[in-house]
């Protein structure tokens, strides 16, 4: 059996992604998957705009304005989200946010018209 002659401080300075007990990569994966889900949500809504235009006989101008309002509303929703994170804490907010978004997505999918 061989042992390393390097000092302990040198060995602990080299970190590998497979090191157990370090949650950095798991948190990165969680954040990236959340960002992907939010991006897909924006694309999901964008597919409805041609149907909305046909339903209300709206041209490109009003539909562009509707898309702009959607993006502004999405951006403004981050303000109360930040206030919620401050009020209830950074550990509970990432649990509550996706739960609310999932419930809203399920209600949107089950809408009859």
PDB file of N, CA and C in Angstrom:
ATOM      1  N   UNK A   1       0.839  -1.168   0.000  1.00  0.00           N
ATOM      2  CA  UNK A   1       0.000   0.000   0.000  1.00  0.00           C
ATOM      3  C   UNK A   1       0.884   1.231   0.000  1.00  0.00           C
ATOM      4  N   UNK A   2       0.585   2.177  -0.878  1.00  0.00           N
ATOM      5  CA  UNK A   2       1.398   3.382  -0.960  1.00  0.00           C
ATOM      6  C   UNK A   2       0.681   4.524  -0.284  1.00  0.00           C
ATOM      7  N   UNK A   3       1.431   5.392   0.287  1.00  0.00           N
ATOM      8  CA  UNK A   3       0.868   6.592   0.906  1.00  0.00           C
ATOM      9  C   UNK A   3       1.473   7.807   0.244  1.00  0.00           C
ATOM     10  N   UNK A   4       0.744   8.861   0.232  1.00  0.00           N
ATOM     11  CA  UNK A   4       1.207  10.089  -0.391  1.00  0.00           C
ATOM     12  C   UNK A   4       2.108  10.839   0.581  1.00  0.00           C
ATOM     13  N   UNK A   5       3.179  11.378   0.033  1.00  0.00           N
ATOM     14  CA  UNK A   5       4.091  12.144   0.868  1.00  0.00           C
ATOM     15  C   UNK A   5       3.767  13.628   0.844  1.00  0.00           C
ATOM     16  N   UNK A   6       2.735  14.009   0.110  1.00  0.00           N
ATOM     17  CA  UNK A   6       2.358  15.420   0.027  1.00  0.00           C
ATOM     18  C   UNK A   6       1.674  15.844   1.318  1.00  0.00           C
ATOM     19  N   UNK A   7       1.880  17.072   1.723  1.00  0.00           N
ATOM     20  CA  UNK A   7       1.219  17.562   2.933  1.00  0.00           C
ATOM     21  C   UNK A   7      -0.294  17.578   2.756  1.00  0.00           C
ATOM     22  N   UNK A   8      -1.024  17.503   3.865  1.00  0.00           N
ATOM     23  CA  UNK A   8      -2.490  17.458   3.837  1.00  0.00           C
ATOM     24  C   UNK A   8      -3.079  18.709   3.213  1.00  0.00           C
ATOM     25  N   UNK A   9      -2.443  19.857   3.400  1.00  0.00           N
ATOM     26  CA  UNK A   9      -2.987  21.097   2.831  1.00  0.00           C
ATOM     27  C   UNK A   9      -2.934  21.078   1.315  1.00  0.00           C
ATOM     28  N   UNK A  10      -1.935  20.425   0.734  1.00  0.00           N
ATOM     29  CA  UNK A  10      -1.822  20.326  -0.717  1.00  0.00           C
ATOM     30  C   UNK A  10      -2.888  19.385  -1.264  1.00  0.00           C
ATOM     31  N   UNK A  11      -3.146  18.301  -0.568  1.00  0.00           N
ATOM     32  CA  UNK A  11      -4.122  17.334  -1.046  1.00  0.00           C
ATOM     33  C   UNK A  11      -5.536  17.886  -0.972  1.00  0.00           C
ATOM     34  N   UNK A  12      -5.889  18.661   0.028  1.00  0.00           N
ATOM     35  CA  UNK A  12      -7.241  19.170   0.151  1.00  0.00           C
ATOM     36  C   UNK A  12      -7.508  20.326  -0.809  1.00  0.00           C
ATOM     37  N   UNK A  13      -6.457  20.928  -1.357  1.00  0.00           N
ATOM     38  CA  UNK A  13      -6.646  22.039  -2.277  1.00  0.00           C
ATOM     39  C   UNK A  13      -7.151  21.572  -3.631  1.00  0.00           C
ATOM     40  N   UNK A  14      -6.871  20.336  -4.006  1.00  0.00           N
ATOM     41  CA  UNK A  14      -7.349  19.840  -5.289  1.00  0.00           C
ATOM     42  C   UNK A  14      -8.716  19.185  -5.079  1.00  0.00           C
ATOM     43  N   UNK A  15      -9.706  19.761  -5.693  1.00  0.00           N
ATOM     44  CA  UNK A  15     -11.065  19.282  -5.531  1.00  0.00           C
ATOM     45  C   UNK A  15     -11.520  18.643  -6.821  1.00  0.00           C
ATOM     46  N   UNK A  16     -12.217  17.539  -6.743  1.00  0.00           N
ATOM     47  CA  UNK A  16     -12.743  16.888  -7.937  1.00  0.00           C
ATOM     48  C   UNK A  16     -14.264  16.878  -7.867  1.00  0.00           C
ATOM     49  N   UNK A  17     -14.930  16.936  -9.052  1.00  0.00           N
ATOM     50  CA  UNK A  17     -16.397  16.950  -9.058  1.00  0.00           C
ATOM     51  C   UNK A  17     -17.019  15.704  -8.449  1.00  0.00           C
ATOM     52  N   UNK A  18     -16.286  14.610  -8.411  1.00  0.00           N
ATOM     53  CA  UNK A  18     -16.859  13.387  -7.871  1.00  0.00           C
ATOM     54  C   UNK A  18     -16.709  13.282  -6.357  1.00  0.00           C
ATOM     55  N   UNK A  19     -16.138  14.310  -5.733  1.00  0.00           N
ATOM     56  CA  UNK A  19     -15.952  14.279  -4.287  1.00  0.00           C
ATOM     57  C   UNK A  19     -17.309  14.288  -3.598  1.00  0.00           C
ATOM     58  N   UNK A  20     -17.521  13.343  -2.721  1.00  0.00           N
ATOM     59  CA  UNK A  20     -18.817  13.248  -2.058  1.00  0.00           C
ATOM     60  C   UNK A  20     -18.913  14.287  -0.950  1.00  0.00           C
ATOM     61  N   UNK A  21     -20.108  14.702  -0.650  1.00  0.00           N
ATOM     62  CA  UNK A  21     -20.323  15.665   0.414  1.00  0.00           C
ATOM     63  C   UNK A  21     -20.274  17.110  -0.047  1.00  0.00           C
ATOM     64  N   UNK A  22     -19.990  17.369  -1.311  1.00  0.00           N
ATOM     65  CA  UNK A  22     -19.940  18.732  -1.816  1.00  0.00           C
ATOM     66  C   UNK A  22     -21.144  18.956  -2.721  1.00  0.00           C
ATOM     67  N   UNK A  23     -22.087  19.800  -2.325  1.00  0.00           N
ATOM     68  CA  UNK A  23     -23.337  19.938  -3.075  1.00  0.00           C
ATOM     69  C   UNK A  23     -23.284  20.916  -4.248  1.00  0.00           C
ATOM     70  N   UNK A  24     -22.107  21.402  -4.617  1.00  0.00           N
ATOM     71  CA  UNK A  24     -22.033  22.413  -5.681  1.00  0.00           C
ATOM     72  C   UNK A  24     -22.636  21.941  -6.995  1.00  0.00           C
ATOM     73  N   UNK A  25     -22.257  20.740  -7.435  1.00  0.00           N
ATOM     74  CA  UNK A  25     -22.714  20.262  -8.737  1.00  0.00           C
ATOM     75  C   UNK A  25     -24.200  19.922  -8.712  1.00  0.00           C
ATOM     76  N   UNK A  26     -24.671  19.431  -7.598  1.00  0.00           N
ATOM     77  CA  UNK A  26     -26.107  19.166  -7.482  1.00  0.00           C
ATOM     78  C   UNK A  26     -26.924  20.446  -7.540  1.00  0.00           C
ATOM     79  N   UNK A  27     -26.438  21.484  -6.862  1.00  0.00           N
ATOM     80  CA  UNK A  27     -27.140  22.775  -6.905  1.00  0.00           C
ATOM     81  C   UNK A  27     -27.097  23.379  -8.299  1.00  0.00           C
ATOM     82  N   UNK A  28     -25.950  23.240  -8.977  1.00  0.00           N
ATOM     83  CA  UNK A  28     -25.853  23.743 -10.346  1.00  0.00           C
ATOM     84  C   UNK A  28     -26.843  23.028 -11.257  1.00  0.00           C
ATOM     85  N   UNK A  29     -26.954  21.723 -11.109  1.00  0.00           N
ATOM     86  CA  UNK A  29     -27.912  20.959 -11.912  1.00  0.00           C
ATOM     87  C   UNK A  29     -29.343  21.375 -11.604  1.00  0.00           C
ATOM     88  N   UNK A  30     -29.653  21.625 -10.342  1.00  0.00           N
ATOM     89  CA  UNK A  30     -30.985  22.067  -9.958  1.00  0.00           C
ATOM     90  C   UNK A  30     -31.311  23.437 -10.544  1.00  0.00           C
ATOM     91  N   UNK A  31     -30.375  24.362 -10.468  1.00  0.00           N
ATOM     92  CA  UNK A  31     -30.593  25.702 -11.017  1.00  0.00           C
ATOM     93  C   UNK A  31     -30.744  25.649 -12.533  1.00  0.00           C
ATOM     94  N   UNK A  32     -29.909  24.858 -13.199  1.00  0.00           N
ATOM     95  CA  UNK A  32     -30.003  24.749 -14.659  1.00  0.00           C
ATOM     96  C   UNK A  32     -31.315  24.109 -15.092  1.00  0.00           C
ATOM     97  N   UNK A  33     -31.774  23.102 -14.370  1.00  0.00           N
ATOM     98  CA  UNK A  33     -33.048  22.478 -14.742  1.00  0.00           C
ATOM     99  C   UNK A  33     -34.214  23.426 -14.483  1.00  0.00           C
ATOM    100  N   UNK A  34     -34.149  24.226 -13.435  1.00  0.00           N
ATOM    101  CA  UNK A  34     -35.188  25.232 -13.203  1.00  0.00           C
ATOM    102  C   UNK A  34     -35.203  26.287 -14.282  1.00  0.00           C
ATOM    103  N   UNK A  35     -34.017  26.732 -14.712  1.00  0.00           N
ATOM    104  CA  UNK A  35     -33.939  27.723 -15.786  1.00  0.00           C
ATOM    105  C   UNK A  35     -34.486  27.143 -17.085  1.00  0.00           C
ATOM    106  N   UNK A  36     -34.191  25.880 -17.352  1.00  0.00           N
ATOM    107  CA  UNK A  36     -34.717  25.224 -18.550  1.00  0.00           C
ATOM    108  C   UNK A  36     -36.242  25.133 -18.500  1.00  0.00           C
ATOM    109  N   UNK A  37     -36.786  24.804 -17.336  1.00  0.00           N
ATOM    110  CA  UNK A  37     -38.240  24.711 -17.198  1.00  0.00           C
ATOM    111  C   UNK A  37     -38.903  26.067 -17.422  1.00  0.00           C
ATOM    112  N   UNK A  38     -38.314  27.128 -16.893  1.00  0.00           N
ATOM    113  CA  UNK A  38     -38.890  28.458 -17.091  1.00  0.00           C
ATOM    114  C   UNK A  38     -38.802  28.891 -18.553  1.00  0.00           C
ATOM    115  N   UNK A  39     -37.703  28.558 -19.211  1.00  0.00           N
ATOM    116  CA  UNK A  39     -37.560  28.895 -20.625  1.00  0.00           C
ATOM    117  C   UNK A  39     -38.583  28.139 -21.464  1.00  0.00           C
ATOM    118  N   UNK A  40     -38.763  26.862 -21.188  1.00  0.00           N
ATOM    119  CA  UNK A  40     -39.767  26.081 -21.917  1.00  0.00           C
ATOM    120  C   UNK A  40     -41.172  26.616 -21.665  1.00  0.00           C
ATOM    121  N   UNK A  41     -41.422  27.144 -20.482  1.00  0.00           N
ATOM    122  CA  UNK A  41     -42.721  27.728 -20.179  1.00  0.00           C
ATOM    123  C   UNK A  41     -42.989  28.939 -21.072  1.00  0.00           C
ATOM    124  N   UNK A  42     -41.992  29.752 -21.300  1.00  0.00           N
ATOM    125  CA  UNK A  42     -42.181  30.915 -22.187  1.00  0.00           C
ATOM    126  C   UNK A  42     -42.456  30.465 -23.614  1.00  0.00           C
ATOM    127  N   UNK A  43     -41.755  29.417 -24.076  1.00  0.00           N
ATOM    128  CA  UNK A  43     -42.006  28.907 -25.416  1.00  0.00           C
ATOM    129  C   UNK A  43     -43.388  28.271 -25.518  1.00  0.00           C
ATOM    130  N   UNK A  44     -43.850  27.667 -24.448  1.00  0.00           N
ATOM    131  CA  UNK A  44     -45.164  27.040 -24.420  1.00  0.00           C
ATOM    132  C   UNK A  44     -46.254  28.072 -24.659  1.00  0.00           C
ATOM    133  N   UNK A  45     -46.144  29.199 -24.023  1.00  0.00           N
ATOM    134  CA  UNK A  45     -47.148  30.254 -24.171  1.00  0.00           C
ATOM    135  C   UNK A  45     -47.077  30.865 -25.568  1.00  0.00           C
ATOM    136  N   UNK A  46     -45.878  30.970 -26.124  1.00  0.00           N
ATOM    137  CA  UNK A  46     -45.724  31.588 -27.442  1.00  0.00           C
ATOM    138  C   UNK A  46     -46.437  30.803 -28.535  1.00  0.00           C
ATOM    139  N   UNK A  47     -46.600  29.505 -28.357  1.00  0.00           N
ATOM    140  CA  UNK A  47     -47.297  28.725 -29.386  1.00  0.00           C
ATOM    141  C   UNK A  47     -48.788  29.027 -29.438  1.00  0.00           C
ATOM    142  N   UNK A  48     -49.322  29.636 -28.405  1.00  0.00           N
ATOM    143  CA  UNK A  48     -50.750  29.958 -28.377  1.00  0.00           C
ATOM    144  C   UNK A  48     -51.068  31.263 -29.092  1.00  0.00           C
ATOM    145  N   UNK A  49     -50.076  32.094 -29.351  1.00  0.00           N
ATOM    146  CA  UNK A  49     -50.364  33.407 -29.941  1.00  0.00           C
ATOM    147  C   UNK A  49     -50.998  33.350 -31.328  1.00  0.00           C
ATOM    148  N   UNK A  50     -50.614  32.455 -32.239  1.00  0.00           N
ATOM    149  CA  UNK A  50     -51.333  32.389 -33.523  1.00  0.00           C
ATOM    150  C   UNK A  50     -52.813  32.025 -33.347  1.00  0.00           C
ATOM    151  N   UNK A  51     -53.105  31.136 -32.403  1.00  0.00           N
ATOM    152  CA  UNK A  51     -54.506  30.782 -32.148  1.00  0.00           C
ATOM    153  C   UNK A  51     -55.270  31.959 -31.545  1.00  0.00           C
ATOM    154  N   UNK A  52     -54.617  32.705 -30.681  1.00  0.00           N
ATOM    155  CA  UNK A  52     -55.252  33.897 -30.098  1.00  0.00           C
ATOM    156  C   UNK A  52     -55.519  34.922 -31.194  1.00  0.00           C
ATOM    157  N   UNK A  53     -54.555  35.093 -32.102  1.00  0.00           N
ATOM    158  CA  UNK A  53     -54.743  36.030 -33.214  1.00  0.00           C
ATOM    159  C   UNK A  53     -55.895  35.631 -34.114  1.00  0.00           C
ATOM    160  N   UNK A  54     -56.019  34.344 -34.382  1.00  0.00           N
ATOM    161  CA  UNK A  54     -57.117  33.869 -35.228  1.00  0.00           C
ATOM    162  C   UNK A  54     -58.460  34.014 -34.513  1.00  0.00           C
ATOM    163  N   UNK A  55     -58.482  33.738 -33.214  1.00  0.00           N
ATOM    164  CA  UNK A  55     -59.726  33.831 -32.440  1.00  0.00           C
ATOM    165  C   UNK A  55     -60.266  35.253 -32.383  1.00  0.00           C
ATOM    166  N   UNK A  56     -59.367  36.215 -32.193  1.00  0.00           N
ATOM    167  CA  UNK A  56     -59.792  37.606 -32.032  1.00  0.00           C
ATOM    168  C   UNK A  56     -59.554  38.449 -33.277  1.00  0.00           C
ATOM    169  N   UNK A  57     -59.209  37.808 -34.396  1.00  0.00           N
ATOM    170  CA  UNK A  57     -58.962  38.490 -35.664  1.00  0.00           C
ATOM    171  C   UNK A  57     -57.948  39.616 -35.484  1.00  0.00           C
ATOM    172  N   UNK A  58     -56.864  39.314 -34.777  1.00  0.00           N
ATOM    173  CA  UNK A  58     -55.813  40.294 -34.510  1.00  0.00           C
ATOM    174  C   UNK A  58     -54.656  40.084 -35.476  1.00  0.00           C
ATOM    175  N   UNK A  59     -54.100  41.179 -35.924  1.00  0.00           N
ATOM    176  CA  UNK A  59     -52.963  41.122 -36.828  1.00  0.00           C
ATOM    177  C   UNK A  59     -51.648  41.023 -36.075  1.00  0.00           C
ATOM    178  N   UNK A  60     -50.566  41.282 -36.816  1.00  0.00           N
ATOM    179  CA  UNK A  60     -49.237  41.168 -36.248  1.00  0.00           C
ATOM    180  C   UNK A  60     -48.971  42.236 -35.185  1.00  0.00           C
ATOM    181  N   UNK A  61     -49.464  43.452 -35.385  1.00  0.00           N
ATOM    182  CA  UNK A  61     -49.243  44.535 -34.420  1.00  0.00           C
ATOM    183  C   UNK A  61     -49.826  44.245 -33.042  1.00  0.00           C
ATOM    184  N   UNK A  62     -51.123  43.939 -32.963  1.00  0.00           N
ATOM    185  CA  UNK A  62     -51.686  43.616 -31.652  1.00  0.00           C
ATOM    186  C   UNK A  62     -51.078  42.364 -31.011  1.00  0.00           C
ATOM    187  N   UNK A  63     -50.735  41.370 -31.817  1.00  0.00           N
ATOM    188  CA  UNK A  63     -50.089  40.184 -31.253  1.00  0.00           C
ATOM    189  C   UNK A  63     -48.701  40.509 -30.707  1.00  0.00           C
ATOM    190  N   UNK A  64     -47.965  41.361 -31.395  1.00  0.00           N
ATOM    191  CA  UNK A  64     -46.654  41.776 -30.893  1.00  0.00           C
ATOM    192  C   UNK A  64     -46.792  42.522 -29.578  1.00  0.00           C
ATOM    193  N   UNK A  65     -47.817  43.365 -29.481  1.00  0.00           N
ATOM    194  CA  UNK A  65     -48.072  44.083 -28.234  1.00  0.00           C
ATOM    195  C   UNK A  65     -48.434  43.096 -27.116  1.00  0.00           C
ATOM    196  N   UNK A  66     -49.202  42.068 -27.431  1.00  0.00           N
ATOM    197  CA  UNK A  66     -49.575  41.062 -26.447  1.00  0.00           C
ATOM    198  C   UNK A  66     -48.349  40.287 -25.959  1.00  0.00           C
ATOM    199  N   UNK A  67     -47.448  39.957 -26.884  1.00  0.00           N
ATOM    200  CA  UNK A  67     -46.211  39.278 -26.499  1.00  0.00           C
ATOM    201  C   UNK A  67     -45.377  40.174 -25.590  1.00  0.00           C
ATOM    202  N   UNK A  68     -45.308  41.465 -25.914  1.00  0.00           N
ATOM    203  CA  UNK A  68     -44.563  42.404 -25.075  1.00  0.00           C
ATOM    204  C   UNK A  68     -45.165  42.489 -23.680  1.00  0.00           C
ATOM    205  N   UNK A  69     -46.484  42.523 -23.603  1.00  0.00           N
ATOM    206  CA  UNK A  69     -47.138  42.560 -22.291  1.00  0.00           C
ATOM    207  C   UNK A  69     -46.853  41.287 -21.491  1.00  0.00           C
ATOM    208  N   UNK A  70     -46.813  40.170 -22.171  1.00  0.00           N
ATOM    209  CA  UNK A  70     -46.500  38.912 -21.485  1.00  0.00           C
ATOM    210  C   UNK A  70     -45.086  38.941 -20.904  1.00  0.00           C
ATOM    211  N   UNK A  71     -44.117  39.407 -21.677  1.00  0.00           N
ATOM    212  CA  UNK A  71     -42.728  39.458 -21.210  1.00  0.00           C
ATOM    213  C   UNK A  71     -42.583  40.463 -20.071  1.00  0.00           C
ATOM    214  N   UNK A  72     -43.252  41.611 -20.165  1.00  0.00           N
ATOM    215  CA  UNK A  72     -43.198  42.603 -19.083  1.00  0.00           C
ATOM    216  C   UNK A  72     -43.825  42.024 -17.817  1.00  0.00           C
ATOM    217  N   UNK A  73     -44.942  41.349 -17.947  1.00  0.00           N
ATOM    218  CA  UNK A  73     -45.577  40.720 -16.793  1.00  0.00           C
ATOM    219  C   UNK A  73     -44.701  39.657 -16.170  1.00  0.00           C
ATOM    220  N   UNK A  74     -44.018  38.901 -17.011  1.00  0.00           N
ATOM    221  CA  UNK A  74     -43.090  37.879 -16.520  1.00  0.00           C
ATOM    222  C   UNK A  74     -41.958  38.530 -15.724  1.00  0.00           C
ATOM    223  N   UNK A  75     -41.431  39.641 -16.245  1.00  0.00           N
ATOM    224  CA  UNK A  75     -40.354  40.344 -15.550  1.00  0.00           C
ATOM    225  C   UNK A  75     -40.826  40.971 -14.252  1.00  0.00           C
ATOM    226  N   UNK A  76     -42.029  41.545 -14.266  1.00  0.00           N
ATOM    227  CA  UNK A  76     -42.549  42.180 -13.055  1.00  0.00           C
ATOM    228  C   UNK A  76     -42.881  41.162 -11.970  1.00  0.00           C
ATOM    229  N   UNK A  77     -43.137  39.935 -12.349  1.00  0.00           N
ATOM    230  CA  UNK A  77     -43.433  38.900 -11.361  1.00  0.00           C
ATOM    231  C   UNK A  77     -42.211  38.541 -10.531  1.00  0.00           C
ATOM    232  N   UNK A  78     -41.030  38.919 -10.993  1.00  0.00           N
ATOM    233  CA  UNK A  78     -39.820  38.643 -10.222  1.00  0.00           C
ATOM    234  C   UNK A  78     -39.725  39.522  -8.974  1.00  0.00           C
ATOM    235  N   UNK A  79     -40.354  40.686  -8.987  1.00  0.00           N
ATOM    236  CA  UNK A  79     -40.297  41.569  -7.813  1.00  0.00           C
ATOM    237  C   UNK A  79     -41.006  40.934  -6.618  1.00  0.00           C
ATOM    238  N   UNK A  80     -42.275  40.505  -6.731  1.00  0.00           N
ATOM    239  CA  UNK A  80     -42.871  39.833  -5.579  1.00  0.00           C
ATOM    240  C   UNK A  80     -42.195  38.507  -5.248  1.00  0.00           C
ATOM    241  N   UNK A  81     -41.598  37.858  -6.246  1.00  0.00           N
ATOM    242  CA  UNK A  81     -40.853  36.631  -5.972  1.00  0.00           C
ATOM    243  C   UNK A  81     -39.651  36.900  -5.079  1.00  0.00           C
ATOM    244  N   UNK A  82     -38.953  37.996  -5.334  1.00  0.00           N
ATOM    245  CA  UNK A  82     -37.839  38.369  -4.482  1.00  0.00           C
ATOM    246  C   UNK A  82     -38.297  38.761  -3.089  1.00  0.00           C
ATOM    247  N   UNK A  83     -39.434  39.447  -3.006  1.00  0.00           N
ATOM    248  CA  UNK A  83     -39.975  39.812  -1.695  1.00  0.00           C
ATOM    249  C   UNK A  83     -40.391  38.559  -0.925  1.00  0.00           C
ATOM    250  N   UNK A  84     -40.948  37.587  -1.633  1.00  0.00           N
ATOM    251  CA  UNK A  84     -41.319  36.321  -0.997  1.00  0.00           C
ATOM    252  C   UNK A  84     -40.080  35.588  -0.481  1.00  0.00           C
ATOM    253  N   UNK A  85     -39.030  35.586  -1.279  1.00  0.00           N
ATOM    254  CA  UNK A  85     -37.788  34.937  -0.848  1.00  0.00           C
ATOM    255  C   UNK A  85     -37.220  35.608   0.389  1.00  0.00           C
ATOM    256  N   UNK A  86     -37.337  36.928   0.464  1.00  0.00           N
ATOM    257  CA  UNK A  86     -36.855  37.638   1.646  1.00  0.00           C
ATOM    258  C   UNK A  86     -37.729  37.331   2.854  1.00  0.00           C
ATOM    259  N   UNK A  87     -39.035  37.226   2.635  1.00  0.00           N
ATOM    260  CA  UNK A  87     -39.954  37.025   3.759  1.00  0.00           C
ATOM    261  C   UNK A  87     -39.911  35.607   4.324  1.00  0.00           C
ATOM    262  N   UNK A  88     -39.898  34.596   3.457  1.00  0.00           N
ATOM    263  CA  UNK A  88     -39.985  33.225   3.970  1.00  0.00           C
ATOM    264  C   UNK A  88     -38.663  32.479   3.948  1.00  0.00           C
ATOM    265  N   UNK A  89     -37.661  33.049   3.320  1.00  0.00           N
ATOM    266  CA  UNK A  89     -36.345  32.425   3.345  1.00  0.00           C
ATOM    267  C   UNK A  89     -35.959  31.787   2.020  1.00  0.00           C
ATOM    268  N   UNK A  90     -34.656  31.690   1.835  1.00  0.00           N
ATOM    269  CA  UNK A  90     -34.119  31.159   0.579  1.00  0.00           C
ATOM    270  C   UNK A  90     -34.219  29.640   0.473  1.00  0.00           C
ATOM    271  N   UNK A  91     -34.495  28.961   1.556  1.00  0.00           N
ATOM    272  CA  UNK A  91     -34.603  27.503   1.484  1.00  0.00           C
ATOM    273  C   UNK A  91     -36.008  27.063   1.097  1.00  0.00           C
ATOM    274  N   UNK A  92     -37.015  27.816   1.497  1.00  0.00           N
ATOM    275  CA  UNK A  92     -38.402  27.426   1.183  1.00  0.00           C
ATOM    276  C   UNK A  92     -38.849  27.927  -0.183  1.00  0.00           C
ATOM    277  N   UNK A  93     -38.318  29.051  -0.622  1.00  0.00           N
ATOM    278  CA  UNK A  93     -38.763  29.641  -1.883  1.00  0.00           C
ATOM    279  C   UNK A  93     -38.547  28.726  -3.081  1.00  0.00           C
ATOM    280  N   UNK A  94     -37.387  28.058  -3.245  1.00  0.00           N
ATOM    281  CA  UNK A  94     -37.234  27.162  -4.395  1.00  0.00           C
ATOM    282  C   UNK A  94     -38.164  25.959  -4.371  1.00  0.00           C
ATOM    283  N   UNK A  95     -38.777  25.680  -3.246  1.00  0.00           N
ATOM    284  CA  UNK A  95     -39.747  24.584  -3.172  1.00  0.00           C
ATOM    285  C   UNK A  95     -41.136  25.099  -3.531  1.00  0.00           C
ATOM    286  N   UNK A  96     -41.486  26.255  -3.003  1.00  0.00           N
ATOM    287  CA  UNK A  96     -42.821  26.818  -3.230  1.00  0.00           C
ATOM    288  C   UNK A  96     -42.985  27.284  -4.679  1.00  0.00           C
ATOM    289  N   UNK A  97     -41.951  27.914  -5.245  1.00  0.00           N
ATOM    290  CA  UNK A  97     -42.040  28.435  -6.611  1.00  0.00           C
ATOM    291  C   UNK A  97     -42.395  27.386  -7.648  1.00  0.00           C
ATOM    292  N   UNK A  98     -41.630  26.304  -7.760  1.00  0.00           N
ATOM    293  CA  UNK A  98     -41.988  25.278  -8.742  1.00  0.00           C
ATOM    294  C   UNK A  98     -43.325  24.602  -8.453  1.00  0.00           C
ATOM    295  N   UNK A  99     -43.704  24.503  -7.177  1.00  0.00           N
ATOM    296  CA  UNK A  99     -45.008  23.911  -6.855  1.00  0.00           C
ATOM    297  C   UNK A  99     -46.140  24.784  -7.385  1.00  0.00           C
ATOM    298  N   UNK A 100     -46.020  26.091  -7.200  1.00  0.00           N
ATOM    299  CA  UNK A 100     -47.045  27.011  -7.704  1.00  0.00           C
ATOM    300  C   UNK A 100     -47.051  26.999  -9.234  1.00  0.00           C
ATOM    301  N   UNK A 101     -45.871  27.006  -9.844  1.00  0.00           N
ATOM    302  CA  UNK A 101     -45.798  26.990 -11.301  1.00  0.00           C
ATOM    303  C   UNK A 101     -46.365  25.685 -11.864  1.00  0.00           C
ATOM    304  N   UNK A 102     -46.081  24.570 -11.209  1.00  0.00           N
ATOM    305  CA  UNK A 102     -46.625  23.290 -11.661  1.00  0.00           C
ATOM    306  C   UNK A 102     -48.136  23.240 -11.556  1.00  0.00           C
ATOM    307  N   UNK A 103     -48.678  23.782 -10.452  1.00  0.00           N
ATOM    308  CA  UNK A 103     -50.139  23.824 -10.293  1.00  0.00           C
ATOM    309  C   UNK A 103     -50.771  24.723 -11.353  1.00  0.00           C
ATOM    310  N   UNK A 104     -50.143  25.872 -11.617  1.00  0.00           N
ATOM    311  CA  UNK A 104     -50.676  26.775 -12.645  1.00  0.00           C
ATOM    312  C   UNK A 104     -50.584  26.135 -14.030  1.00  0.00           C
ATOM    313  N   UNK A 105     -49.502  25.411 -14.301  1.00  0.00           N
ATOM    314  CA  UNK A 105     -49.380  24.714 -15.582  1.00  0.00           C
ATOM    315  C   UNK A 105     -50.416  23.623 -15.739  1.00  0.00           C
ATOM    316  N   UNK A 106     -50.720  22.910 -14.657  1.00  0.00           N
ATOM    317  CA  UNK A 106     -51.743  21.863 -14.713  1.00  0.00           C
ATOM    318  C   UNK A 106     -53.126  22.467 -14.940  1.00  0.00           C
ATOM    319  N   UNK A 107     -53.413  23.587 -14.281  1.00  0.00           N
ATOM    320  CA  UNK A 107     -54.696  24.259 -14.519  1.00  0.00           C
ATOM    321  C   UNK A 107     -54.799  24.789 -15.934  1.00  0.00           C
ATOM    322  N   UNK A 108     -53.687  25.297 -16.451  1.00  0.00           N
ATOM    323  CA  UNK A 108     -53.674  25.796 -17.840  1.00  0.00           C
ATOM    324  C   UNK A 108     -53.898  24.651 -18.834  1.00  0.00           C
ATOM    325  N   UNK A 109     -53.285  23.510 -18.573  1.00  0.00           N
ATOM    326  CA  UNK A 109     -53.442  22.378 -19.483  1.00  0.00           C
ATOM    327  C   UNK A 109     -54.855  21.788 -19.435  1.00  0.00           C
ATOM    328  N   UNK A 110     -55.519  21.906 -18.288  1.00  0.00           N
ATOM    329  CA  UNK A 110     -56.850  21.321 -18.162  1.00  0.00           C
ATOM    330  C   UNK A 110     -57.979  22.291 -18.549  1.00  0.00           C
ATOM    331  N   UNK A 111     -57.624  23.490 -19.001  1.00  0.00           N
ATOM    332  CA  UNK A 111     -58.643  24.453 -19.409  1.00  0.00           C
ATOM    333  C   UNK A 111     -59.357  23.969 -20.668  1.00  0.00           C
ATOM    334  N   UNK A 112     -60.665  24.145 -20.706  1.00  0.00           N
ATOM    335  CA  UNK A 112     -61.423  23.641 -21.843  1.00  0.00           C
ATOM    336  C   UNK A 112     -61.337  24.545 -23.062  1.00  0.00           C
ATOM    337  N   UNK A 113     -61.134  25.821 -22.859  1.00  0.00           N
ATOM    338  CA  UNK A 113     -61.021  26.721 -24.016  1.00  0.00           C
ATOM    339  C   UNK A 113     -60.037  27.818 -23.757  1.00  0.00           C
TER     340      UNK A 113
END
